[in-house]
């Protein structure tokens, strides 16, 4: 059974930083694509960043140069380091794992990030 538990959200001022963590159980990183999505109120859920078991990384244009995704296979944890945060980064952030061979997505419960002065 796959379980994802996010942590690290909160309130931060513009220009500040936060690090989100996603602790995964029931999976092997090498078989999955790990990622972060976000959803602002009234908006669709959008991709933020993904990382594969081989370390291939993809970012949304809106976060390139500010956010960094990383994974620790031993700890079964995926991180999202968010720097130079902007008010438009305010959203609920969701951890996602995707098994390409089985075409199955799993989602965490979400963690709220608010960027405001």
N, C-alpha and C. Protein backbone atom coordinates (compact mmCIF):
# COMPACT_ATOMS: atom_id res chain seq x y z
N UNK A 1 0.84 -1.18 0.00
CA UNK A 1 0.00 0.00 0.00
C UNK A 1 0.88 1.23 0.00
N UNK A 2 0.61 2.12 -0.95
CA UNK A 2 1.40 3.34 -1.08
C UNK A 2 0.81 4.42 -0.18
N UNK A 3 1.69 5.04 0.60
CA UNK A 3 1.27 6.16 1.44
C UNK A 3 2.25 7.30 1.27
N UNK A 4 1.71 8.51 1.18
CA UNK A 4 2.52 9.71 1.02
C UNK A 4 2.12 10.70 2.10
N UNK A 5 3.07 11.22 2.82
CA UNK A 5 2.79 12.18 3.89
C UNK A 5 3.65 13.41 3.68
N UNK A 6 2.97 14.54 3.41
CA UNK A 6 3.68 15.79 3.18
C UNK A 6 3.84 16.58 4.47
N UNK A 7 4.85 17.41 4.49
CA UNK A 7 5.05 18.33 5.61
C UNK A 7 5.88 19.51 5.11
N UNK A 8 5.89 20.58 5.91
CA UNK A 8 6.76 21.70 5.61
C UNK A 8 6.07 22.95 5.11
N UNK A 9 4.76 22.90 4.90
CA UNK A 9 4.07 24.10 4.44
C UNK A 9 3.96 25.13 5.54
N UNK A 10 3.44 26.29 5.19
CA UNK A 10 3.26 27.35 6.17
C UNK A 10 3.14 28.70 5.54
N UNK A 11 3.26 29.71 6.40
CA UNK A 11 3.18 31.10 5.97
C UNK A 11 4.58 31.68 5.89
N UNK A 12 4.88 32.34 4.78
CA UNK A 12 6.20 32.92 4.59
C UNK A 12 6.04 34.24 3.86
N UNK A 13 6.95 35.16 4.12
CA UNK A 13 6.91 36.45 3.44
C UNK A 13 7.47 36.33 2.03
N UNK A 14 7.07 37.23 1.14
CA UNK A 14 7.65 37.23 -0.21
C UNK A 14 9.17 37.31 -0.13
N UNK A 15 9.81 36.51 -0.97
CA UNK A 15 11.27 36.43 -0.96
C UNK A 15 11.82 35.38 -0.03
N UNK A 16 10.97 34.81 0.78
CA UNK A 16 11.40 33.80 1.75
C UNK A 16 11.51 32.42 1.13
N UNK A 17 11.81 31.45 2.01
CA UNK A 17 12.02 30.08 1.57
C UNK A 17 11.24 29.10 2.43
N UNK A 18 10.90 27.98 1.84
CA UNK A 18 10.31 26.86 2.55
C UNK A 18 10.83 25.58 1.91
N UNK A 19 10.86 24.51 2.70
CA UNK A 19 11.18 23.20 2.15
C UNK A 19 10.06 22.23 2.47
N UNK A 20 9.49 21.68 1.44
CA UNK A 20 8.45 20.67 1.61
C UNK A 20 9.08 19.28 1.57
N UNK A 21 8.52 18.39 2.35
CA UNK A 21 8.97 17.00 2.38
C UNK A 21 7.80 16.08 2.10
N UNK A 22 8.09 14.98 1.45
CA UNK A 22 7.07 13.96 1.18
C UNK A 22 7.67 12.61 1.53
N UNK A 23 7.20 12.03 2.60
CA UNK A 23 7.68 10.72 3.03
C UNK A 23 6.81 9.65 2.40
N UNK A 24 7.44 8.76 1.66
CA UNK A 24 6.71 7.73 0.92
C UNK A 24 6.96 6.37 1.54
N UNK A 25 5.94 5.53 1.47
CA UNK A 25 6.09 4.15 1.89
C UNK A 25 5.37 3.26 0.87
N UNK A 26 5.86 2.05 0.74
CA UNK A 26 5.21 1.11 -0.16
C UNK A 26 5.65 1.19 -1.60
N UNK A 27 6.74 1.94 -1.87
CA UNK A 27 7.21 2.06 -3.24
C UNK A 27 8.73 1.97 -3.30
N UNK A 28 9.20 1.70 -4.50
CA UNK A 28 10.63 1.79 -4.78
C UNK A 28 10.83 2.95 -5.75
N UNK A 29 11.65 3.92 -5.36
CA UNK A 29 11.81 5.13 -6.17
C UNK A 29 12.16 4.81 -7.61
N UNK A 30 12.90 3.74 -7.83
CA UNK A 30 13.38 3.45 -9.18
C UNK A 30 12.25 3.14 -10.15
N UNK A 31 11.10 2.76 -9.61
CA UNK A 31 9.98 2.38 -10.47
C UNK A 31 8.95 3.49 -10.66
N UNK A 32 9.19 4.63 -10.06
CA UNK A 32 8.18 5.69 -10.05
C UNK A 32 8.77 7.02 -10.49
N UNK A 33 7.87 7.90 -10.91
CA UNK A 33 8.18 9.30 -11.10
C UNK A 33 7.60 10.04 -9.90
N UNK A 34 8.44 10.75 -9.20
CA UNK A 34 8.00 11.50 -8.03
C UNK A 34 7.81 12.96 -8.42
N UNK A 35 6.82 13.58 -7.82
CA UNK A 35 6.61 14.97 -8.21
C UNK A 35 5.82 15.78 -7.21
N UNK A 36 5.78 17.06 -7.47
CA UNK A 36 4.98 18.00 -6.70
C UNK A 36 4.06 18.75 -7.65
N UNK A 37 2.81 18.89 -7.22
CA UNK A 37 1.81 19.67 -7.93
C UNK A 37 1.29 20.72 -6.96
N UNK A 38 0.63 21.72 -7.49
CA UNK A 38 0.01 22.71 -6.63
C UNK A 38 -1.32 23.15 -7.21
N UNK A 39 -2.18 23.58 -6.28
CA UNK A 39 -3.52 24.02 -6.67
C UNK A 39 -3.91 25.24 -5.85
N UNK A 40 -4.07 26.34 -6.55
CA UNK A 40 -4.54 27.56 -5.90
C UNK A 40 -6.07 27.55 -5.87
N UNK A 41 -6.68 28.30 -4.95
CA UNK A 41 -8.15 28.34 -4.87
C UNK A 41 -8.77 28.71 -6.21
N UNK A 42 -9.72 27.90 -6.65
CA UNK A 42 -10.41 28.16 -7.90
C UNK A 42 -9.64 27.84 -9.15
N UNK A 43 -8.47 27.26 -8.97
CA UNK A 43 -7.62 26.94 -10.12
C UNK A 43 -7.46 25.42 -10.27
N UNK A 44 -6.96 25.00 -11.41
CA UNK A 44 -6.68 23.59 -11.61
C UNK A 44 -5.36 23.22 -10.92
N UNK A 45 -5.17 21.92 -10.75
CA UNK A 45 -3.93 21.44 -10.15
C UNK A 45 -2.85 21.38 -11.24
N UNK A 46 -1.75 22.03 -10.98
CA UNK A 46 -0.69 22.15 -11.97
C UNK A 46 0.61 21.48 -11.49
N UNK A 47 1.36 20.99 -12.44
CA UNK A 47 2.65 20.39 -12.13
C UNK A 47 3.65 21.47 -11.71
N UNK A 48 4.43 21.17 -10.68
CA UNK A 48 5.49 22.06 -10.24
C UNK A 48 6.85 21.49 -10.65
N UNK A 49 7.09 20.24 -10.29
CA UNK A 49 8.37 19.62 -10.60
C UNK A 49 8.25 18.11 -10.49
N UNK A 50 9.05 17.40 -11.27
CA UNK A 50 9.10 15.94 -11.17
C UNK A 50 10.55 15.46 -11.20
N UNK A 51 10.75 14.27 -10.63
CA UNK A 51 12.06 13.64 -10.65
C UNK A 51 11.87 12.14 -10.84
N UNK A 52 12.64 11.55 -11.73
CA UNK A 52 12.52 10.12 -11.97
C UNK A 52 13.52 9.35 -11.12
N UNK A 53 13.39 8.03 -11.14
CA UNK A 53 14.32 7.19 -10.40
C UNK A 53 15.76 7.30 -10.88
N UNK A 54 15.93 7.75 -12.13
CA UNK A 54 17.28 7.94 -12.68
C UNK A 54 17.77 9.37 -12.49
N UNK A 55 16.97 10.20 -11.84
CA UNK A 55 17.39 11.56 -11.54
C UNK A 55 17.03 12.59 -12.58
N UNK A 56 16.23 12.20 -13.56
CA UNK A 56 15.80 13.18 -14.56
C UNK A 56 14.79 14.13 -13.93
N UNK A 57 14.99 15.42 -14.10
CA UNK A 57 14.18 16.44 -13.43
C UNK A 57 13.50 17.35 -14.44
N UNK A 58 12.28 17.74 -14.08
CA UNK A 58 11.52 18.66 -14.92
C UNK A 58 10.85 19.69 -14.02
N UNK A 59 10.86 20.95 -14.44
CA UNK A 59 10.24 22.02 -13.68
C UNK A 59 9.24 22.78 -14.54
N UNK A 60 8.20 23.28 -13.90
CA UNK A 60 7.33 24.25 -14.55
C UNK A 60 8.13 25.53 -14.78
N UNK A 61 7.84 26.21 -15.87
CA UNK A 61 8.58 27.44 -16.19
C UNK A 61 8.48 28.46 -15.06
N UNK A 62 7.35 28.49 -14.39
CA UNK A 62 7.11 29.50 -13.36
C UNK A 62 8.00 29.35 -12.13
N UNK A 63 8.62 28.18 -11.97
CA UNK A 63 9.42 27.95 -10.76
C UNK A 63 10.89 27.69 -11.08
N UNK A 64 11.24 27.64 -12.35
CA UNK A 64 12.63 27.38 -12.73
C UNK A 64 13.56 28.43 -12.14
N UNK A 65 14.65 27.97 -11.56
CA UNK A 65 15.61 28.87 -10.95
C UNK A 65 15.29 29.23 -9.52
N UNK A 66 14.10 28.88 -9.06
CA UNK A 66 13.70 29.20 -7.67
C UNK A 66 13.46 27.96 -6.85
N UNK A 67 12.92 26.93 -7.46
CA UNK A 67 12.58 25.69 -6.76
C UNK A 67 13.54 24.58 -7.15
N UNK A 68 13.80 23.68 -6.21
CA UNK A 68 14.65 22.54 -6.47
C UNK A 68 14.00 21.28 -5.91
N UNK A 69 13.82 20.29 -6.76
CA UNK A 69 13.28 19.00 -6.32
C UNK A 69 14.44 18.03 -6.14
N UNK A 70 14.34 17.21 -5.11
CA UNK A 70 15.37 16.20 -4.87
C UNK A 70 14.73 15.00 -4.18
N UNK A 71 15.42 13.88 -4.27
CA UNK A 71 14.89 12.67 -3.67
C UNK A 71 15.96 11.91 -2.92
N UNK A 72 15.59 11.29 -1.84
CA UNK A 72 16.48 10.45 -1.05
C UNK A 72 15.88 9.05 -1.04
N UNK A 73 16.46 8.17 -1.85
CA UNK A 73 15.89 6.83 -1.97
C UNK A 73 15.99 6.06 -0.67
N UNK A 74 17.07 6.25 0.05
CA UNK A 74 17.25 5.53 1.31
C UNK A 74 16.20 5.94 2.33
N UNK A 75 15.89 7.23 2.36
CA UNK A 75 14.89 7.75 3.30
C UNK A 75 13.49 7.70 2.73
N UNK A 76 13.37 7.36 1.43
CA UNK A 76 12.06 7.33 0.77
C UNK A 76 11.35 8.68 0.94
N UNK A 77 12.10 9.74 0.70
CA UNK A 77 11.56 11.08 0.89
C UNK A 77 11.91 11.94 -0.33
N UNK A 78 10.94 12.72 -0.76
CA UNK A 78 11.14 13.69 -1.83
C UNK A 78 10.99 15.08 -1.25
N UNK A 79 11.87 15.97 -1.65
CA UNK A 79 11.88 17.32 -1.13
C UNK A 79 11.60 18.33 -2.24
N UNK A 80 11.04 19.45 -1.84
CA UNK A 80 10.90 20.59 -2.74
C UNK A 80 11.40 21.82 -1.99
N UNK A 81 12.58 22.27 -2.36
CA UNK A 81 13.13 23.49 -1.79
C UNK A 81 12.63 24.66 -2.59
N UNK A 82 11.96 25.58 -1.91
CA UNK A 82 11.34 26.72 -2.58
C UNK A 82 12.00 27.99 -2.08
N UNK A 83 12.67 28.69 -2.96
CA UNK A 83 13.33 29.95 -2.63
C UNK A 83 12.69 31.10 -3.40
N UNK A 84 12.98 32.29 -2.95
CA UNK A 84 12.45 33.50 -3.62
C UNK A 84 10.95 33.39 -3.86
N UNK A 85 10.25 33.01 -2.83
CA UNK A 85 8.81 32.77 -2.97
C UNK A 85 8.06 34.06 -3.29
N UNK A 86 7.02 33.89 -4.09
CA UNK A 86 6.19 35.00 -4.53
C UNK A 86 4.75 34.76 -4.08
N UNK A 87 3.97 35.83 -3.96
CA UNK A 87 2.55 35.63 -3.59
C UNK A 87 1.83 34.66 -4.52
N UNK A 88 2.21 34.64 -5.79
CA UNK A 88 1.55 33.74 -6.73
C UNK A 88 1.93 32.28 -6.53
N UNK A 89 2.87 32.00 -5.65
CA UNK A 89 3.19 30.62 -5.28
C UNK A 89 2.23 30.07 -4.23
N UNK A 90 1.36 30.93 -3.72
CA UNK A 90 0.40 30.50 -2.72
C UNK A 90 -0.53 29.44 -3.29
N UNK A 91 -0.59 28.30 -2.63
CA UNK A 91 -1.40 27.18 -3.11
C UNK A 91 -1.31 26.02 -2.11
N UNK A 92 -2.15 25.03 -2.34
CA UNK A 92 -1.97 23.74 -1.67
C UNK A 92 -1.02 22.92 -2.54
N UNK A 93 0.01 22.37 -1.91
CA UNK A 93 1.02 21.61 -2.64
C UNK A 93 0.82 20.12 -2.35
N UNK A 94 0.83 19.33 -3.41
CA UNK A 94 0.55 17.91 -3.30
C UNK A 94 1.73 17.08 -3.82
N UNK A 95 2.10 16.11 -3.05
CA UNK A 95 3.09 15.13 -3.48
C UNK A 95 2.39 14.09 -4.36
N UNK A 96 3.09 13.68 -5.39
CA UNK A 96 2.52 12.70 -6.32
C UNK A 96 3.57 11.67 -6.70
N UNK A 97 3.16 10.43 -6.78
CA UNK A 97 4.02 9.40 -7.36
C UNK A 97 3.26 8.72 -8.49
N UNK A 98 3.97 8.43 -9.56
CA UNK A 98 3.35 7.85 -10.75
C UNK A 98 4.14 6.65 -11.20
N UNK A 99 3.42 5.54 -11.37
CA UNK A 99 4.03 4.33 -11.90
C UNK A 99 3.76 4.27 -13.39
N UNK A 100 4.76 4.53 -14.22
CA UNK A 100 4.51 4.58 -15.66
C UNK A 100 4.06 3.26 -16.27
N UNK A 101 4.54 2.17 -15.73
CA UNK A 101 4.19 0.88 -16.32
C UNK A 101 2.76 0.47 -15.99
N UNK A 102 2.29 0.88 -14.83
CA UNK A 102 0.92 0.54 -14.44
C UNK A 102 -0.04 1.70 -14.63
N UNK A 103 0.53 2.88 -14.97
CA UNK A 103 -0.27 4.08 -15.20
C UNK A 103 -1.15 4.40 -13.99
N UNK A 104 -0.54 4.39 -12.81
CA UNK A 104 -1.26 4.67 -11.57
C UNK A 104 -0.61 5.87 -10.89
N UNK A 105 -1.47 6.80 -10.43
CA UNK A 105 -1.04 7.96 -9.65
C UNK A 105 -1.43 7.75 -8.19
N UNK A 106 -0.59 8.21 -7.32
CA UNK A 106 -0.91 8.28 -5.90
C UNK A 106 -0.67 9.71 -5.43
N UNK A 107 -1.52 10.17 -4.51
CA UNK A 107 -1.45 11.56 -4.04
C UNK A 107 -1.33 11.61 -2.53
N UNK A 108 -0.59 12.62 -2.06
CA UNK A 108 -0.60 12.93 -0.65
C UNK A 108 -1.81 13.78 -0.31
N UNK A 109 -1.90 14.14 0.96
CA UNK A 109 -3.08 14.88 1.43
C UNK A 109 -2.96 16.38 1.17
N UNK A 110 -1.77 16.84 0.84
CA UNK A 110 -1.57 18.25 0.55
C UNK A 110 -1.06 19.02 1.75
N UNK A 111 -0.29 20.05 1.47
CA UNK A 111 0.18 20.96 2.51
C UNK A 111 0.06 22.38 1.98
N UNK A 112 -0.40 23.27 2.82
CA UNK A 112 -0.70 24.63 2.38
C UNK A 112 0.53 25.52 2.47
N UNK A 113 0.74 26.28 1.41
CA UNK A 113 1.81 27.28 1.38
C UNK A 113 1.17 28.63 1.10
N UNK A 114 1.43 29.58 1.99
CA UNK A 114 0.91 30.94 1.83
C UNK A 114 2.08 31.91 1.83
N UNK A 115 2.16 32.69 0.77
CA UNK A 115 3.22 33.70 0.65
C UNK A 115 2.56 35.07 0.73
N UNK A 116 2.81 35.73 1.84
CA UNK A 116 2.13 37.00 2.08
C UNK A 116 2.93 37.83 3.07
N UNK A 117 2.84 39.14 2.91
CA UNK A 117 3.49 40.03 3.87
C UNK A 117 2.49 40.45 4.95
